[in-house]
PDB file of N, CA and C in Angstrom:
ATOM      1  N   MET A   1      18.146 -38.063 -40.086  1.00  0.00           N
ATOM      2  CA  MET A   1      17.448 -36.788 -40.080  1.00  0.00           C
ATOM      3  C   MET A   1      16.224 -36.840 -39.163  1.00  0.00           C
ATOM      4  N   LYS A   2      15.453 -37.924 -39.296  1.00  0.00           N
ATOM      5  CA  LYS A   2      14.260 -38.075 -38.474  1.00  0.00           C
ATOM      6  C   LYS A   2      14.648 -38.156 -36.990  1.00  0.00           C
ATOM      7  N   ASN A   3      15.765 -38.787 -36.701  1.00  0.00           N
ATOM      8  CA  ASN A   3      16.244 -38.901 -35.320  1.00  0.00           C
ATOM      9  C   ASN A   3      16.602 -37.525 -34.760  1.00  0.00           C
ATOM     10  N   ASN A   4      17.204 -36.657 -35.588  1.00  0.00           N
ATOM     11  CA  ASN A   4      17.550 -35.304 -35.149  1.00  0.00           C
ATOM     12  C   ASN A   4      16.302 -34.474 -34.833  1.00  0.00           C
ATOM     13  N   ILE A   5      15.273 -34.638 -35.633  1.00  0.00           N
ATOM     14  CA  ILE A   5      14.030 -33.912 -35.405  1.00  0.00           C
ATOM     15  C   ILE A   5      13.389 -34.365 -34.091  1.00  0.00           C
ATOM     16  N   ASN A   6      13.403 -35.670 -33.852  1.00  0.00           N
ATOM     17  CA  ASN A   6      12.841 -36.187 -32.596  1.00  0.00           C
ATOM     18  C   ASN A   6      13.609 -35.664 -31.392  1.00  0.00           C
ATOM     19  N   ILE A   7      14.917 -35.616 -31.486  1.00  0.00           N
ATOM     20  CA  ILE A   7      15.738 -35.099 -30.390  1.00  0.00           C
ATOM     21  C   ILE A   7      15.439 -33.617 -30.172  1.00  0.00           C
ATOM     22  N   PHE A   8      15.324 -32.871 -31.253  1.00  0.00           N
ATOM     23  CA  PHE A   8      15.015 -31.446 -31.157  1.00  0.00           C
ATOM     24  C   PHE A   8      13.649 -31.228 -30.500  1.00  0.00           C
ATOM     25  N   LEU A   9      12.643 -31.961 -30.947  1.00  0.00           N
ATOM     26  CA  LEU A   9      11.304 -31.808 -30.385  1.00  0.00           C
ATOM     27  C   LEU A   9      11.271 -32.182 -28.903  1.00  0.00           C
ATOM     28  N   PHE A  10      11.936 -33.268 -28.546  1.00  0.00           N
ATOM     29  CA  PHE A  10      11.989 -33.668 -27.146  1.00  0.00           C
ATOM     30  C   PHE A  10      12.675 -32.596 -26.306  1.00  0.00           C
ATOM     31  N   SER A  11      13.784 -32.062 -26.799  1.00  0.00           N
ATOM     32  CA  SER A  11      14.503 -31.014 -26.066  1.00  0.00           C
ATOM     33  C   SER A  11      13.648 -29.763 -25.911  1.00  0.00           C
ATOM     34  N   ALA A  12      12.972 -29.381 -26.965  1.00  0.00           N
ATOM     35  CA  ALA A  12      12.124 -28.189 -26.910  1.00  0.00           C
ATOM     36  C   ALA A  12      10.985 -28.371 -25.909  1.00  0.00           C
ATOM     37  N   LEU A  13      10.337 -29.528 -25.908  1.00  0.00           N
ATOM     38  CA  LEU A  13       9.262 -29.793 -24.956  1.00  0.00           C
ATOM     39  C   LEU A  13       9.780 -29.843 -23.520  1.00  0.00           C
ATOM     40  N   PHE A  14      10.953 -30.423 -23.336  1.00  0.00           N
ATOM     41  CA  PHE A  14      11.539 -30.497 -21.996  1.00  0.00           C
ATOM     42  C   PHE A  14      11.848 -29.099 -21.472  1.00  0.00           C
ATOM     43  N   LEU A  15      12.453 -28.259 -22.308  1.00  0.00           N
ATOM     44  CA  LEU A  15      12.757 -26.892 -21.888  1.00  0.00           C
ATOM     45  C   LEU A  15      11.499 -26.088 -21.616  1.00  0.00           C
ATOM     46  N   LEU A  16      10.503 -26.253 -22.440  1.00  0.00           N
ATOM     47  CA  LEU A  16       9.242 -25.537 -22.242  1.00  0.00           C
ATOM     48  C   LEU A  16       8.576 -25.963 -20.933  1.00  0.00           C
ATOM     49  N   ALA A  17       8.564 -27.250 -20.666  1.00  0.00           N
ATOM     50  CA  ALA A  17       7.949 -27.749 -19.435  1.00  0.00           C
ATOM     51  C   ALA A  17       8.708 -27.267 -18.208  1.00  0.00           C
ATOM     52  N   SER A  18      10.009 -27.224 -18.264  1.00  0.00           N
ATOM     53  CA  SER A  18      10.794 -26.783 -17.106  1.00  0.00           C
ATOM     54  C   SER A  18      10.627 -25.282 -16.878  1.00  0.00           C
ATOM     55  N   CYS A  19      10.446 -24.510 -17.924  1.00  0.00           N
ATOM     56  CA  CYS A  19      10.238 -23.066 -17.763  1.00  0.00           C
ATOM     57  C   CYS A  19       8.892 -22.772 -17.130  1.00  0.00           C
ATOM     58  N   THR A  20       7.847 -23.432 -17.572  1.00  0.00           N
ATOM     59  CA  THR A  20       6.530 -23.153 -17.025  1.00  0.00           C
ATOM     60  C   THR A  20       6.403 -23.654 -15.603  1.00  0.00           C
ATOM     61  N   GLY A  21       7.087 -24.705 -15.250  1.00  0.00           N
ATOM     62  CA  GLY A  21       7.019 -25.228 -13.892  1.00  0.00           C
ATOM     63  C   GLY A  21       7.608 -24.280 -12.869  1.00  0.00           C
ATOM     64  N   GLN A  22       8.581 -23.496 -13.232  1.00  0.00           N
ATOM     65  CA  GLN A  22       9.232 -22.598 -12.293  1.00  0.00           C
ATOM     66  C   GLN A  22       8.447 -21.305 -12.085  1.00  0.00           C
ATOM     67  N   THR A  23       7.577 -20.962 -12.992  1.00  0.00           N
ATOM     68  CA  THR A  23       6.867 -19.693 -12.880  1.00  0.00           C
ATOM     69  C   THR A  23       5.452 -19.854 -12.344  1.00  0.00           C
ATOM     70  N   ALA A  24       4.954 -21.070 -12.282  1.00  0.00           N
ATOM     71  CA  ALA A  24       3.596 -21.287 -11.807  1.00  0.00           C
ATOM     72  C   ALA A  24       3.537 -21.112 -10.290  1.00  0.00           C
ATOM     73  N   LEU A  25       2.515 -20.419  -9.826  1.00  0.00           N
ATOM     74  CA  LEU A  25       2.331 -20.197  -8.397  1.00  0.00           C
ATOM     75  C   LEU A  25       1.358 -21.222  -7.832  1.00  0.00           C
ATOM     76  N   THR A  26       1.585 -21.623  -6.602  1.00  0.00           N
ATOM     77  CA  THR A  26       0.629 -22.479  -5.929  1.00  0.00           C
ATOM     78  C   THR A  26      -0.559 -21.624  -5.501  1.00  0.00           C
ATOM     79  N   GLN A  27      -1.635 -22.271  -5.122  1.00  0.00           N
ATOM     80  CA  GLN A  27      -2.810 -21.530  -4.664  1.00  0.00           C
ATOM     81  C   GLN A  27      -2.490 -20.722  -3.412  1.00  0.00           C
ATOM     82  N   ALA A  28      -1.675 -21.278  -2.524  1.00  0.00           N
ATOM     83  CA  ALA A  28      -1.297 -20.565  -1.294  1.00  0.00           C
ATOM     84  C   ALA A  28      -0.481 -19.317  -1.617  1.00  0.00           C
ATOM     85  N   GLU A  29       0.466 -19.434  -2.558  1.00  0.00           N
ATOM     86  CA  GLU A  29       1.270 -18.273  -2.958  1.00  0.00           C
ATOM     87  C   GLU A  29       0.393 -17.208  -3.602  1.00  0.00           C
ATOM     88  N   ARG A  30      -0.524 -17.641  -4.447  1.00  0.00           N
ATOM     89  CA  ARG A  30      -1.427 -16.705  -5.116  1.00  0.00           C
ATOM     90  C   ARG A  30      -2.298 -15.974  -4.102  1.00  0.00           C
ATOM     91  N   SER A  31      -2.816 -16.689  -3.117  1.00  0.00           N
ATOM     92  CA  SER A  31      -3.657 -16.077  -2.086  1.00  0.00           C
ATOM     93  C   SER A  31      -2.860 -15.089  -1.247  1.00  0.00           C
ATOM     94  N   ARG A  32      -1.628 -15.468  -0.874  1.00  0.00           N
ATOM     95  CA  ARG A  32      -0.767 -14.586  -0.086  1.00  0.00           C
ATOM     96  C   ARG A  32      -0.430 -13.325  -0.870  1.00  0.00           C
ATOM     97  N   GLN A  33      -0.138 -13.487  -2.156  1.00  0.00           N
ATOM     98  CA  GLN A  33       0.188 -12.356  -3.016  1.00  0.00           C
ATOM     99  C   GLN A  33      -1.013 -11.427  -3.177  1.00  0.00           C
ATOM    100  N   GLN A  34      -2.191 -11.985  -3.358  1.00  0.00           N
ATOM    101  CA  GLN A  34      -3.396 -11.167  -3.519  1.00  0.00           C
ATOM    102  C   GLN A  34      -3.730 -10.402  -2.242  1.00  0.00           C
ATOM    103  N   ALA A  35      -3.555 -11.045  -1.084  1.00  0.00           N
ATOM    104  CA  ALA A  35      -3.834 -10.369   0.182  1.00  0.00           C
ATOM    105  C   ALA A  35      -2.870  -9.204   0.390  1.00  0.00           C
ATOM    106  N   ALA A  36      -1.599  -9.418   0.068  1.00  0.00           N
ATOM    107  CA  ALA A  36      -0.605  -8.349   0.204  1.00  0.00           C
ATOM    108  C   ALA A  36      -0.888  -7.222  -0.786  1.00  0.00           C
ATOM    109  N   ASP A  37      -1.267  -7.564  -2.007  1.00  0.00           N
ATOM    110  CA  ASP A  37      -1.589  -6.557  -3.012  1.00  0.00           C
ATOM    111  C   ASP A  37      -2.775  -5.707  -2.563  1.00  0.00           C
ATOM    112  N   TYR A  38      -3.792  -6.333  -2.019  1.00  0.00           N
ATOM    113  CA  TYR A  38      -4.964  -5.609  -1.520  1.00  0.00           C
ATOM    114  C   TYR A  38      -4.572  -4.679  -0.374  1.00  0.00           C
ATOM    115  N   ALA A  39      -3.719  -5.167   0.524  1.00  0.00           N
ATOM    116  CA  ALA A  39      -3.288  -4.354   1.668  1.00  0.00           C
ATOM    117  C   ALA A  39      -2.511  -3.122   1.200  1.00  0.00           C
ATOM    118  N   VAL A  40      -1.601  -3.298   0.241  1.00  0.00           N
ATOM    119  CA  VAL A  40      -0.820  -2.169  -0.275  1.00  0.00           C
ATOM    120  C   VAL A  40      -1.738  -1.156  -0.948  1.00  0.00           C
ATOM    121  N   ALA A  41      -2.634  -1.631  -1.805  1.00  0.00           N
ATOM    122  CA  ALA A  41      -3.550  -0.730  -2.511  1.00  0.00           C
ATOM    123  C   ALA A  41      -4.427   0.042  -1.529  1.00  0.00           C
ATOM    124  N   THR A  42      -4.895  -0.633  -0.489  1.00  0.00           N
ATOM    125  CA  THR A  42      -5.735   0.024   0.514  1.00  0.00           C
ATOM    126  C   THR A  42      -4.962   1.103   1.263  1.00  0.00           C
ATOM    127  N   ILE A  43      -3.754   0.794   1.678  1.00  0.00           N
ATOM    128  CA  ILE A  43      -2.933   1.767   2.408  1.00  0.00           C
ATOM    129  C   ILE A  43      -2.628   2.981   1.536  1.00  0.00           C
ATOM    130  N   LEU A  44      -2.264   2.748   0.281  1.00  0.00           N
ATOM    131  CA  LEU A  44      -1.982   3.874  -0.621  1.00  0.00           C
ATOM    132  C   LEU A  44      -3.235   4.714  -0.847  1.00  0.00           C
ATOM    133  N   PHE A  45      -4.377   4.061  -1.027  1.00  0.00           N
ATOM    134  CA  PHE A  45      -5.631   4.784  -1.252  1.00  0.00           C
ATOM    135  C   PHE A  45      -6.004   5.616  -0.031  1.00  0.00           C
ATOM    136  N   GLU A  46      -5.919   5.008   1.151  1.00  0.00           N
ATOM    137  CA  GLU A  46      -6.295   5.717   2.380  1.00  0.00           C
ATOM    138  C   GLU A  46      -5.400   6.928   2.647  1.00  0.00           C
ATOM    139  N   ASN A  47      -4.171   6.878   2.169  1.00  0.00           N
ATOM    140  CA  ASN A  47      -3.235   7.988   2.360  1.00  0.00           C
ATOM    141  C   ASN A  47      -3.166   8.900   1.140  1.00  0.00           C
ATOM    142  N   GLU A  48      -4.069   8.683   0.178  1.00  0.00           N
ATOM    143  CA  GLU A  48      -4.154   9.474  -1.051  1.00  0.00           C
ATOM    144  C   GLU A  48      -2.828   9.518  -1.812  1.00  0.00           C
ATOM    145  N   LEU A  49      -2.160   8.359  -1.874  1.00  0.00           N
ATOM    146  CA  LEU A  49      -0.883   8.260  -2.588  1.00  0.00           C
ATOM    147  C   LEU A  49      -0.929   7.234  -3.717  1.00  0.00           C
ATOM    148  N   GLY A  50      -2.118   6.828  -4.112  1.00  0.00           N
ATOM    149  CA  GLY A  50      -2.259   5.826  -5.162  1.00  0.00           C
ATOM    150  C   GLY A  50      -1.589   6.212  -6.472  1.00  0.00           C
ATOM    151  N   GLY A  51      -1.603   7.492  -6.797  1.00  0.00           N
ATOM    152  CA  GLY A  51      -0.995   7.948  -8.043  1.00  0.00           C
ATOM    153  C   GLY A  51       0.456   8.363  -7.893  1.00  0.00           C
ATOM    154  N   ASN A  52       1.000   8.220  -6.692  1.00  0.00           N
ATOM    155  CA  ASN A  52       2.369   8.670  -6.444  1.00  0.00           C
ATOM    156  C   ASN A  52       3.329   7.532  -6.136  1.00  0.00           C
ATOM    157  N   ALA A  53       2.914   6.315  -6.421  1.00  0.00           N
ATOM    158  CA  ALA A  53       3.777   5.171  -6.135  1.00  0.00           C
ATOM    159  C   ALA A  53       3.474   4.048  -7.114  1.00  0.00           C
ATOM    160  N   SER A  54       4.485   3.266  -7.411  1.00  0.00           N
ATOM    161  CA  SER A  54       4.295   2.038  -8.177  1.00  0.00           C
ATOM    162  C   SER A  54       4.918   0.912  -7.370  1.00  0.00           C
ATOM    163  N   TYR A  55       4.302  -0.253  -7.419  1.00  0.00           N
ATOM    164  CA  TYR A  55       4.783  -1.338  -6.577  1.00  0.00           C
ATOM    165  C   TYR A  55       4.622  -2.682  -7.267  1.00  0.00           C
ATOM    166  N   ASN A  56       5.351  -3.653  -6.732  1.00  0.00           N
ATOM    167  CA  ASN A  56       5.285  -5.024  -7.199  1.00  0.00           C
ATOM    168  C   ASN A  56       5.208  -5.916  -5.973  1.00  0.00           C
ATOM    169  N   VAL A  57       4.239  -6.815  -5.960  1.00  0.00           N
ATOM    170  CA  VAL A  57       4.088  -7.760  -4.855  1.00  0.00           C
ATOM    171  C   VAL A  57       4.574  -9.120  -5.335  1.00  0.00           C
ATOM    172  N   HIS A  58       5.491  -9.703  -4.595  1.00  0.00           N
ATOM    173  CA  HIS A  58       6.047 -11.009  -4.938  1.00  0.00           C
ATOM    174  C   HIS A  58       5.195 -12.122  -4.340  1.00  0.00           C
ATOM    175  N   SER A  59       5.422 -13.347  -4.787  1.00  0.00           N
ATOM    176  CA  SER A  59       4.623 -14.484  -4.328  1.00  0.00           C
ATOM    177  C   SER A  59       4.805 -14.767  -2.838  1.00  0.00           C
ATOM    178  N   ASP A  60       5.885 -14.292  -2.230  1.00  0.00           N
ATOM    179  CA  ASP A  60       6.086 -14.479  -0.788  1.00  0.00           C
ATOM    180  C   ASP A  60       5.482 -13.324   0.015  1.00  0.00           C
ATOM    181  N   ALA A  61       4.708 -12.473  -0.623  1.00  0.00           N
ATOM    182  CA  ALA A  61       4.020 -11.326  -0.028  1.00  0.00           C
ATOM    183  C   ALA A  61       4.957 -10.176   0.302  1.00  0.00           C
ATOM    184  N   SER A  62       6.184 -10.216  -0.199  1.00  0.00           N
ATOM    185  CA  SER A  62       7.071  -9.069  -0.021  1.00  0.00           C
ATOM    186  C   SER A  62       6.746  -8.028  -1.087  1.00  0.00           C
ATOM    187  N   VAL A  63       6.992  -6.762  -0.745  1.00  0.00           N
ATOM    188  CA  VAL A  63       6.604  -5.651  -1.609  1.00  0.00           C
ATOM    189  C   VAL A  63       7.824  -4.805  -1.934  1.00  0.00           C
ATOM    190  N   VAL A  64       7.961  -4.466  -3.195  1.00  0.00           N
ATOM    191  CA  VAL A  64       8.951  -3.487  -3.639  1.00  0.00           C
ATOM    192  C   VAL A  64       8.147  -2.302  -4.143  1.00  0.00           C
ATOM    193  N   ILE A  65       8.384  -1.130  -3.546  1.00  0.00           N
ATOM    194  CA  ILE A  65       7.581   0.050  -3.893  1.00  0.00           C
ATOM    195  C   ILE A  65       8.495   1.234  -4.171  1.00  0.00           C
ATOM    196  N   LEU A  66       8.144   1.981  -5.196  1.00  0.00           N
ATOM    197  CA  LEU A  66       8.899   3.160  -5.593  1.00  0.00           C
ATOM    198  C   LEU A  66       7.971   4.369  -5.495  1.00  0.00           C
ATOM    199  N   PHE A  67       8.353   5.312  -4.645  1.00  0.00           N
ATOM    200  CA  PHE A  67       7.557   6.518  -4.458  1.00  0.00           C
ATOM    201  C   PHE A  67       8.066   7.637  -5.355  1.00  0.00           C
ATOM    202  N   ASP A  68       7.133   8.442  -5.841  1.00  0.00           N
ATOM    203  CA  ASP A  68       7.452   9.612  -6.632  1.00  0.00           C
ATOM    204  C   ASP A  68       8.205  10.625  -5.758  1.00  0.00           C
ATOM    205  N   GLU A  69       9.020  11.445  -6.381  1.00  0.00           N
ATOM    206  CA  GLU A  69       9.788  12.449  -5.642  1.00  0.00           C
ATOM    207  C   GLU A  69       8.894  13.487  -4.970  1.00  0.00           C
ATOM    208  N   SER A  70       7.659  13.629  -5.427  1.00  0.00           N
ATOM    209  CA  SER A  70       6.760  14.627  -4.842  1.00  0.00           C
ATOM    210  C   SER A  70       6.221  14.204  -3.469  1.00  0.00           C
ATOM    211  N   VAL A  71       6.388  12.943  -3.084  1.00  0.00           N
ATOM    212  CA  VAL A  71       5.897  12.458  -1.790  1.00  0.00           C
ATOM    213  C   VAL A  71       6.827  12.959  -0.689  1.00  0.00           C
ATOM    214  N   SER A  72       6.257  13.579   0.327  1.00  0.00           N
ATOM    215  CA  SER A  72       7.077  14.118   1.421  1.00  0.00           C
ATOM    216  C   SER A  72       7.674  12.983   2.245  1.00  0.00           C
ATOM    217  N   PHE A  73       8.748  13.299   2.963  1.00  0.00           N
ATOM    218  CA  PHE A  73       9.412  12.304   3.795  1.00  0.00           C
ATOM    219  C   PHE A  73       8.474  11.785   4.875  1.00  0.00           C
ATOM    220  N   SER A  74       7.666  12.648   5.460  1.00  0.00           N
ATOM    221  CA  SER A  74       6.750  12.205   6.516  1.00  0.00           C
ATOM    222  C   SER A  74       5.683  11.255   5.961  1.00  0.00           C
ATOM    223  N   ASP A  75       5.148  11.554   4.770  1.00  0.00           N
ATOM    224  CA  ASP A  75       4.173  10.658   4.147  1.00  0.00           C
ATOM    225  C   ASP A  75       4.830   9.318   3.799  1.00  0.00           C
ATOM    226  N   TYR A  76       6.020   9.398   3.258  1.00  0.00           N
ATOM    227  CA  TYR A  76       6.782   8.202   2.864  1.00  0.00           C
ATOM    228  C   TYR A  76       6.981   7.281   4.064  1.00  0.00           C
ATOM    229  N   THR A  77       7.509   7.818   5.163  1.00  0.00           N
ATOM    230  CA  THR A  77       7.805   6.982   6.329  1.00  0.00           C
ATOM    231  C   THR A  77       6.525   6.485   7.007  1.00  0.00           C
ATOM    232  N   ARG A  78       5.476   7.285   7.018  1.00  0.00           N
ATOM    233  CA  ARG A  78       4.210   6.861   7.612  1.00  0.00           C
ATOM    234  C   ARG A  78       3.632   5.678   6.838  1.00  0.00           C
ATOM    235  N   VAL A  79       3.604   5.799   5.512  1.00  0.00           N
ATOM    236  CA  VAL A  79       3.022   4.749   4.686  1.00  0.00           C
ATOM    237  C   VAL A  79       3.861   3.471   4.749  1.00  0.00           C
ATOM    238  N   VAL A  80       5.165   3.596   4.702  1.00  0.00           N
ATOM    239  CA  VAL A  80       6.020   2.409   4.806  1.00  0.00           C
ATOM    240  C   VAL A  80       5.823   1.751   6.175  1.00  0.00           C
ATOM    241  N   GLY A  81       5.702   2.544   7.221  1.00  0.00           N
ATOM    242  CA  GLY A  81       5.440   1.996   8.548  1.00  0.00           C
ATOM    243  C   GLY A  81       4.121   1.249   8.618  1.00  0.00           C
ATOM    244  N   GLN A  82       3.089   1.803   7.977  1.00  0.00           N
ATOM    245  CA  GLN A  82       1.790   1.127   7.933  1.00  0.00           C
ATOM    246  C   GLN A  82       1.891  -0.205   7.190  1.00  0.00           C
ATOM    247  N   MET A  83       2.633  -0.200   6.087  1.00  0.00           N
ATOM    248  CA  MET A  83       2.794  -1.436   5.320  1.00  0.00           C
ATOM    249  C   MET A  83       3.564  -2.486   6.125  1.00  0.00           C
ATOM    250  N   ARG A  84       4.584  -2.047   6.822  1.00  0.00           N
ATOM    251  CA  ARG A  84       5.390  -2.995   7.604  1.00  0.00           C
ATOM    252  C   ARG A  84       4.647  -3.538   8.815  1.00  0.00           C
ATOM    253  N   SER A  85       3.633  -2.840   9.276  1.00  0.00           N
ATOM    254  CA  SER A  85       2.856  -3.336  10.410  1.00  0.00           C
ATOM    255  C   SER A  85       1.676  -4.194   9.948  1.00  0.00           C
ATOM    256  N   GLU A  86       1.431  -4.249   8.661  1.00  0.00           N
ATOM    257  CA  GLU A  86       0.323  -5.029   8.100  1.00  0.00           C
ATOM    258  C   GLU A  86       0.715  -6.514   8.063  1.00  0.00           C
ATOM    259  N   PRO A  87      -0.040  -7.397   8.722  1.00  0.00           N
ATOM    260  CA  PRO A  87       0.337  -8.818   8.762  1.00  0.00           C
ATOM    261  C   PRO A  87       0.294  -9.526   7.405  1.00  0.00           C
ATOM    262  N   ASP A  88      -0.490  -9.011   6.454  1.00  0.00           N
ATOM    263  CA  ASP A  88      -0.565  -9.652   5.134  1.00  0.00           C
ATOM    264  C   ASP A  88       0.642  -9.335   4.247  1.00  0.00           C
ATOM    265  N   ILE A  89       1.462  -8.379   4.655  1.00  0.00           N
ATOM    266  CA  ILE A  89       2.639  -7.995   3.865  1.00  0.00           C
ATOM    267  C   ILE A  89       3.880  -8.587   4.529  1.00  0.00           C
ATOM    268  N   GLY A  90       4.639  -9.363   3.761  1.00  0.00           N
ATOM    269  CA  GLY A  90       5.814 -10.037   4.305  1.00  0.00           C
ATOM    270  C   GLY A  90       6.897  -9.073   4.741  1.00  0.00           C
ATOM    271  N   ASN A  91       7.385  -8.281   3.830  1.00  0.00           N
ATOM    272  CA  ASN A  91       8.327  -7.202   4.135  1.00  0.00           C
ATOM    273  C   ASN A  91       8.257  -6.182   3.017  1.00  0.00           C
ATOM    274  N   VAL A  92       8.844  -5.021   3.270  1.00  0.00           N
ATOM    275  CA  VAL A  92       8.717  -3.902   2.339  1.00  0.00           C
ATOM    276  C   VAL A  92      10.091  -3.358   2.013  1.00  0.00           C
ATOM    277  N   ARG A  93      10.336  -3.198   0.739  1.00  0.00           N
ATOM    278  CA  ARG A  93      11.533  -2.503   0.267  1.00  0.00           C
ATOM    279  C   ARG A  93      11.040  -1.265  -0.458  1.00  0.00           C
ATOM    280  N   ALA A  94      11.327  -0.092   0.107  1.00  0.00           N
ATOM    281  CA  ALA A  94      10.788   1.156  -0.432  1.00  0.00           C
ATOM    282  C   ALA A  94      11.917   2.074  -0.879  1.00  0.00           C
ATOM    283  N   GLU A  95      11.706   2.719  -2.020  1.00  0.00           N
ATOM    284  CA  GLU A  95      12.694   3.643  -2.568  1.00  0.00           C
ATOM    285  C   GLU A  95      12.018   4.920  -3.017  1.00  0.00           C
ATOM    286  N   GLN A  96      12.829   5.976  -2.996  1.00  0.00           N
ATOM    287  CA  GLN A  96      12.386   7.259  -3.529  1.00  0.00           C
ATOM    288  C   GLN A  96      13.600   7.921  -4.143  1.00  0.00           C
ATOM    289  N   ALA A  97      13.483   8.333  -5.376  1.00  0.00           N
ATOM    290  CA  ALA A  97      14.581   8.984  -6.112  1.00  0.00           C
ATOM    291  C   ALA A  97      15.839   8.120  -6.104  1.00  0.00           C
ATOM    292  N   GLY A  98      15.659   6.789  -6.228  1.00  0.00           N
ATOM    293  CA  GLY A  98      16.800   5.888  -6.316  1.00  0.00           C
ATOM    294  C   GLY A  98      17.465   5.555  -4.994  1.00  0.00           C
ATOM    295  N   ARG A  99      16.899   6.040  -3.867  1.00  0.00           N
ATOM    296  CA  ARG A  99      17.480   5.758  -2.543  1.00  0.00           C
ATOM    297  C   ARG A  99      16.479   4.990  -1.700  1.00  0.00           C
ATOM    298  N   GLU A 100      16.988   4.033  -0.945  1.00  0.00           N
ATOM    299  CA  GLU A 100      16.147   3.325   0.013  1.00  0.00           C
ATOM    300  C   GLU A 100      16.217   4.094   1.317  1.00  0.00           C
ATOM    301  N   VAL A 101      15.159   4.838   1.615  1.00  0.00           N
ATOM    302  CA  VAL A 101      15.161   5.712   2.788  1.00  0.00           C
ATOM    303  C   VAL A 101      14.877   4.922   4.054  1.00  0.00           C
ATOM    304  N   CYS A 102      13.886   4.055   4.018  1.00  0.00           N
ATOM    305  CA  CYS A 102      13.557   3.218   5.179  1.00  0.00           C
ATOM    306  C   CYS A 102      14.238   1.860   4.984  1.00  0.00           C
ATOM    307  N   PRO A 103      15.091   1.441   5.914  1.00  0.00           N
ATOM    308  CA  PRO A 103      15.778   0.152   5.746  1.00  0.00           C
ATOM    309  C   PRO A 103      14.793  -1.017   5.781  1.00  0.00           C
ATOM    310  N   LEU A 104      15.208  -2.108   5.168  1.00  0.00           N
ATOM    311  CA  LEU A 104      14.390  -3.301   5.069  1.00  0.00           C
ATOM    312  C   LEU A 104      14.141  -3.901   6.440  1.00  0.00           C
ATOM    313  N   ARG A 105      12.893  -4.234   6.716  1.00  0.00           N
ATOM    314  CA  ARG A 105      12.543  -4.888   7.985  1.00  0.00           C
ATOM    315  C   ARG A 105      13.009  -6.334   7.926  1.00  0.00           C
ATOM    316  N   PRO A 106      13.677  -6.832   8.975  1.00  0.00           N
ATOM    317  CA  PRO A 106      14.095  -8.235   8.954  1.00  0.00           C
ATOM    318  C   PRO A 106      12.878  -9.155   8.979  1.00  0.00           C
ATOM    319  N   PRO A 107      12.966 -10.315   8.327  1.00  0.00           N
ATOM    320  CA  PRO A 107      11.817 -11.211   8.294  1.00  0.00           C
ATOM    321  C   PRO A 107      11.476 -11.733   9.699  1.00  0.00           C
ATOM    322  N   VAL A 108      10.185 -11.945   9.936  1.00  0.00           N
ATOM    323  CA  VAL A 108       9.709 -12.459  11.213  1.00  0.00           C
ATOM    324  C   VAL A 108       9.697 -13.972  11.148  1.00  0.00           C
ATOM    325  N   ASN A 109      10.216 -14.635  12.176  1.00  0.00           N
ATOM    326  CA  ASN A 109      10.243 -16.110  12.185  1.00  0.00           C
ATOM    327  C   ASN A 109       8.948 -16.694  12.635  1.00  0.00           C
TER     328      ASN A 109
END
């Protein structure tokens, strides 16, 4: 019985350690993510679209953004273009009403 408990505890600790190791970001990833997040927030604020979009910045500085249906096509394409030209943002995947209107920019080597 005591042997089973030890095996269980070891397995639980091993699984816990392996889970936390995969989700922890390095300082470089965290810095890249923060710079991209700041760039996205600034672009949305400057274009007065902060309340019309929700986004997620990944550790590789890529951005997934969903625009509200009330955002016009011209505003949508202008803002996505600004984000794609921003060096702190890796790439942008943008959607509106369930459709990706602007295709994904290929990664820069």
